[in-house]
C-alpha cells in the first residue's frame, strides 16, 4: 500500500489536534484482538489493526523473554463514540485545558485509527501514569519498541509539539521501516519527522 500521512488506512497517518481523521467517524476494517494465550496480555479483549496486532504479540513476547515483565494492553482501538465519552469525562473532571491535555476530542485520537495502544506491565504499578516510564517495563519499551514498529508517541520533551503530556504508556504502531528510520535519525516525534507544524491546541 502507498503510505500516506493523511489516509487513516496508512501506518504513517499523523493524527493530532490540528489533523483530525477523515472521515471524522472513521472505523478500521481489520480490527482483531491480539491473542496471548501464555501471557494473558490482552485481558480486556482490546482490538488493534491486524498488522499492529501481530507486532504487539512479538513485542510482548520479547519483553517477557528479556525479563522485563508481562505486557498488558489497557486500551487500544476506541470508536468515535467511545472517545466522545472519555473526552467529556476528562473535561468535566479537570476542566477544558487539563482535560484536553489528557484526552483527545473524538475524531482527533490516534486510538480511533486502530494503530495505538495504552499498555502497562503486570505487578509493576504506575498504570497509565507518568511513572510507568521509570519501571523496568517502561524503560525497556522506550529502548526497544522501535524494533517492532512502535514508537512512544508522546515523549516528555515534545508536549509543545504534540499537545499531550508525556505518555510513556502510549505506543503507536508506525511500521517497522519507519520506526527504524526514526530511531536511526534520532527523531522521536511524527510531526518533526514529516515536517508538520506543532499542534499544541485545536
Protein backbone atom coordinates (compact mmCIF):
# COMPACT_ATOMS: atom_id res chain seq x y z
CA UNK A 1 0.00 0.00 0.00
CA UNK A 2 1.11 3.54 -0.79
CA UNK A 3 1.94 5.21 2.53
CA UNK A 4 0.27 8.49 3.41
CA UNK A 5 0.26 10.84 6.41
CA UNK A 6 -3.43 11.70 5.86
CA UNK A 7 -5.02 8.34 4.99
CA UNK A 8 -6.22 6.52 8.14
CA UNK A 9 -5.51 3.18 6.41
CA UNK A 10 -1.80 4.07 6.42
CA UNK A 11 0.56 3.28 9.30
CA UNK A 12 2.10 6.73 8.72
CA UNK A 13 -1.04 8.75 9.44
CA UNK A 14 -0.45 11.87 11.55
CA UNK A 15 -3.41 12.50 13.86
CA UNK A 16 -3.21 15.43 16.26
CA UNK A 17 -5.14 18.49 17.43
CA UNK A 18 -4.74 20.13 14.03
CA UNK A 19 -5.24 16.99 11.93
CA UNK A 20 -8.48 15.09 12.58
CA UNK A 21 -9.35 11.81 10.94
CA UNK A 22 -11.10 11.98 7.59
CA UNK A 23 -13.83 10.84 7.80
CA UNK A 24 -14.12 12.04 11.38
CA UNK A 25 -16.04 8.91 12.41
CA UNK A 26 -13.60 6.54 10.65
CA UNK A 27 -13.75 2.85 11.60
CA UNK A 28 -10.88 0.48 10.64
CA UNK A 29 -11.91 -2.61 8.67
CA UNK A 30 -9.48 -5.22 10.02
CA UNK A 31 -9.67 -4.90 13.80
CA UNK A 32 -8.64 -8.02 15.74
CA UNK A 33 -7.99 -8.70 19.41
CA UNK A 34 -4.34 -9.79 19.84
CA UNK A 35 -4.19 -13.27 21.34
CA UNK A 36 -1.58 -14.01 24.00
CA UNK A 37 -2.53 -17.44 25.39
CA UNK A 38 0.61 -17.78 27.52
CA UNK A 39 0.99 -14.16 28.66
CA UNK A 40 -2.67 -13.16 29.04
CA UNK A 41 -1.51 -9.77 27.81
CA UNK A 42 -4.90 -8.70 26.47
CA UNK A 43 -7.29 -9.48 29.36
CA UNK A 44 -9.84 -6.87 28.25
CA UNK A 45 -10.03 -8.07 24.64
CA UNK A 46 -8.85 -4.76 23.19
CA UNK A 47 -8.56 -4.59 19.40
CA UNK A 48 -5.89 -3.31 17.01
CA UNK A 49 -5.44 -3.34 13.25
CA UNK A 50 -4.26 -6.77 12.13
CA UNK A 51 -0.69 -5.67 11.32
CA UNK A 52 -0.32 -3.85 14.65
CA UNK A 53 -1.83 -6.82 16.48
CA UNK A 54 0.86 -9.17 15.15
CA UNK A 55 3.56 -6.67 16.09
CA UNK A 56 2.11 -6.27 19.61
CA UNK A 57 2.33 -10.03 20.09
CA UNK A 58 6.02 -10.05 19.10
CA UNK A 59 6.68 -7.05 21.34
CA UNK A 60 5.03 -8.68 24.36
CA UNK A 61 6.90 -11.96 23.84
CA UNK A 62 10.23 -10.15 23.52
CA UNK A 63 9.62 -8.07 26.65
CA UNK A 64 8.81 -11.20 28.62
CA UNK A 65 11.86 -13.02 27.24
CA UNK A 66 14.06 -10.06 28.23
CA UNK A 67 12.87 -10.43 31.83
CA UNK A 68 11.14 -7.04 31.83
CA UNK A 69 7.69 -8.28 32.76
CA UNK A 70 4.33 -9.20 31.25
CA UNK A 71 2.76 -6.61 28.98
CA UNK A 72 -0.92 -5.75 29.49
CA UNK A 73 -2.93 -3.90 26.85
CA UNK A 74 -5.13 -1.48 28.81
CA UNK A 75 -6.67 0.24 25.82
CA UNK A 76 -6.34 0.11 22.03
CA UNK A 77 -8.96 0.90 19.39
CA UNK A 78 -11.63 3.34 20.53
CA UNK A 79 -14.61 4.29 18.42
CA UNK A 80 -15.66 7.90 17.82
CA UNK A 81 -18.49 7.42 20.34
CA UNK A 82 -16.21 5.89 22.98
CA UNK A 83 -13.70 8.73 22.60
CA UNK A 84 -16.53 11.25 22.90
CA UNK A 85 -17.43 9.77 26.31
CA UNK A 86 -13.81 9.69 27.53
CA UNK A 87 -13.15 13.28 26.40
CA UNK A 88 -16.32 14.55 28.09
CA UNK A 89 -15.44 12.76 31.34
CA UNK A 90 -11.91 14.23 31.50
CA UNK A 91 -13.08 17.75 30.67
CA UNK A 92 -15.82 17.57 33.28
CA UNK A 93 -13.35 16.30 35.88
CA UNK A 94 -10.37 18.59 35.19
CA UNK A 95 -11.66 21.49 33.12
CA UNK A 96 -11.13 22.09 29.39
CA UNK A 97 -7.37 22.82 29.30
CA UNK A 98 -6.19 20.00 31.55
CA UNK A 99 -8.86 17.60 30.32
CA UNK A 100 -7.81 18.08 26.70
CA UNK A 101 -4.16 17.54 27.59
CA UNK A 102 -5.23 14.08 28.76
CA UNK A 103 -7.92 13.06 26.28
CA UNK A 104 -8.34 13.91 22.61
CA UNK A 105 -11.57 15.16 21.13
CA UNK A 106 -13.47 12.47 19.20
CA UNK A 107 -12.10 12.22 15.67
CA UNK A 108 -8.73 13.55 16.80
CA UNK A 109 -7.48 10.48 18.68
CA UNK A 110 -4.86 8.01 17.49
CA UNK A 111 -6.83 5.30 19.26
CA UNK A 112 -9.56 5.65 16.63
CA UNK A 113 -7.09 4.60 13.91
CA UNK A 114 -6.51 1.18 15.47
CA UNK A 115 -2.75 1.83 15.33
CA UNK A 116 -2.29 2.84 19.01
CA UNK A 117 -2.42 1.08 22.36
CA UNK A 118 -2.00 2.02 26.01
CA UNK A 119 -0.01 -0.56 27.95
CA UNK A 120 1.09 -1.42 31.46
CA UNK A 121 3.08 -4.27 32.98
CA UNK A 122 1.65 -6.77 35.40
CA UNK A 123 2.70 -6.10 39.00
CA UNK A 124 4.89 -3.05 38.27
CA UNK A 125 2.41 -0.34 39.27
CA UNK A 126 2.25 3.11 37.64
CA UNK A 127 -0.62 2.05 35.41
CA UNK A 128 -1.37 4.79 32.86
CA UNK A 129 0.81 7.21 34.85
CA UNK A 130 3.99 9.11 34.04
CA UNK A 131 5.97 6.96 36.49
CA UNK A 132 5.45 3.98 34.14
CA UNK A 133 8.43 5.36 32.22
CA UNK A 134 10.66 4.54 35.19
CA UNK A 135 9.51 0.93 35.61
CA UNK A 136 11.67 -1.82 34.11
CA UNK A 137 8.96 -2.43 31.51
CA UNK A 138 8.65 1.27 30.67
CA UNK A 139 12.41 1.65 30.24
CA UNK A 140 12.60 -1.46 28.07
CA UNK A 141 9.74 -0.29 25.85
CA UNK A 142 11.32 3.15 25.41
CA UNK A 143 14.54 1.49 24.26
CA UNK A 144 13.14 -1.40 22.21
CA UNK A 145 9.61 -0.72 20.92
CA UNK A 146 11.03 0.62 17.63
CA UNK A 147 12.36 -2.84 16.78
CA UNK A 148 8.74 -4.00 16.47
CA UNK A 149 7.39 -0.96 14.62
CA UNK A 150 6.18 1.06 17.63
CA UNK A 151 7.15 4.49 18.93
CA UNK A 152 6.45 6.24 22.23
CA UNK A 153 4.15 8.75 20.56
CA UNK A 154 4.16 11.45 23.27
CA UNK A 155 7.71 11.80 24.67
CA UNK A 156 8.46 14.05 27.63
CA UNK A 157 10.21 16.81 25.69
CA UNK A 158 7.57 17.21 22.98
CA UNK A 159 4.37 18.48 24.64
CA UNK A 160 4.60 21.81 22.76
CA UNK A 161 4.68 19.82 19.51
CA UNK A 162 2.20 17.01 20.20
CA UNK A 163 -0.19 18.83 22.51
CA UNK A 164 -0.12 15.97 25.01
CA UNK A 165 1.70 15.37 28.27
CA UNK A 166 4.39 12.70 28.47
CA UNK A 167 2.69 9.32 28.00
CA UNK A 168 5.25 6.50 28.34
CA UNK A 169 2.37 4.00 28.13
CA UNK A 170 1.03 5.15 24.74
CA UNK A 171 2.56 3.10 21.93
CA UNK A 172 1.82 3.96 18.33
CA UNK A 173 2.43 1.48 15.54
CA UNK A 174 4.07 3.16 12.53
CA UNK A 175 5.52 0.06 10.87
CA UNK A 176 8.98 -1.39 11.30
CA UNK A 177 10.54 0.51 8.39
CA UNK A 178 9.56 3.96 9.64
CA UNK A 179 10.30 3.09 13.28
CA UNK A 180 13.84 2.01 12.36
CA UNK A 181 14.50 5.20 10.36
CA UNK A 182 13.14 7.40 13.15
CA UNK A 183 15.34 5.57 15.66
CA UNK A 184 18.45 5.90 13.48
CA UNK A 185 17.74 9.58 12.76
CA UNK A 186 17.00 10.20 16.47
CA UNK A 187 13.70 11.87 15.59
CA UNK A 188 11.12 10.76 18.14
CA UNK A 189 8.03 12.67 17.04
CA UNK A 190 5.97 12.14 13.87
CA UNK A 191 5.30 15.86 13.42
CA UNK A 192 9.02 16.61 13.30
CA UNK A 193 9.83 13.64 11.07
CA UNK A 194 7.24 14.58 8.46
CA UNK A 195 7.70 18.35 8.78
CA UNK A 196 4.27 19.02 10.23
CA UNK A 197 3.70 22.19 12.29
CA UNK A 198 3.38 21.83 16.04
CA UNK A 199 -0.16 21.12 17.21
CA UNK A 200 -0.40 22.11 20.88
CA UNK A 201 -4.00 23.32 20.51
CA UNK A 202 -7.15 22.74 18.48
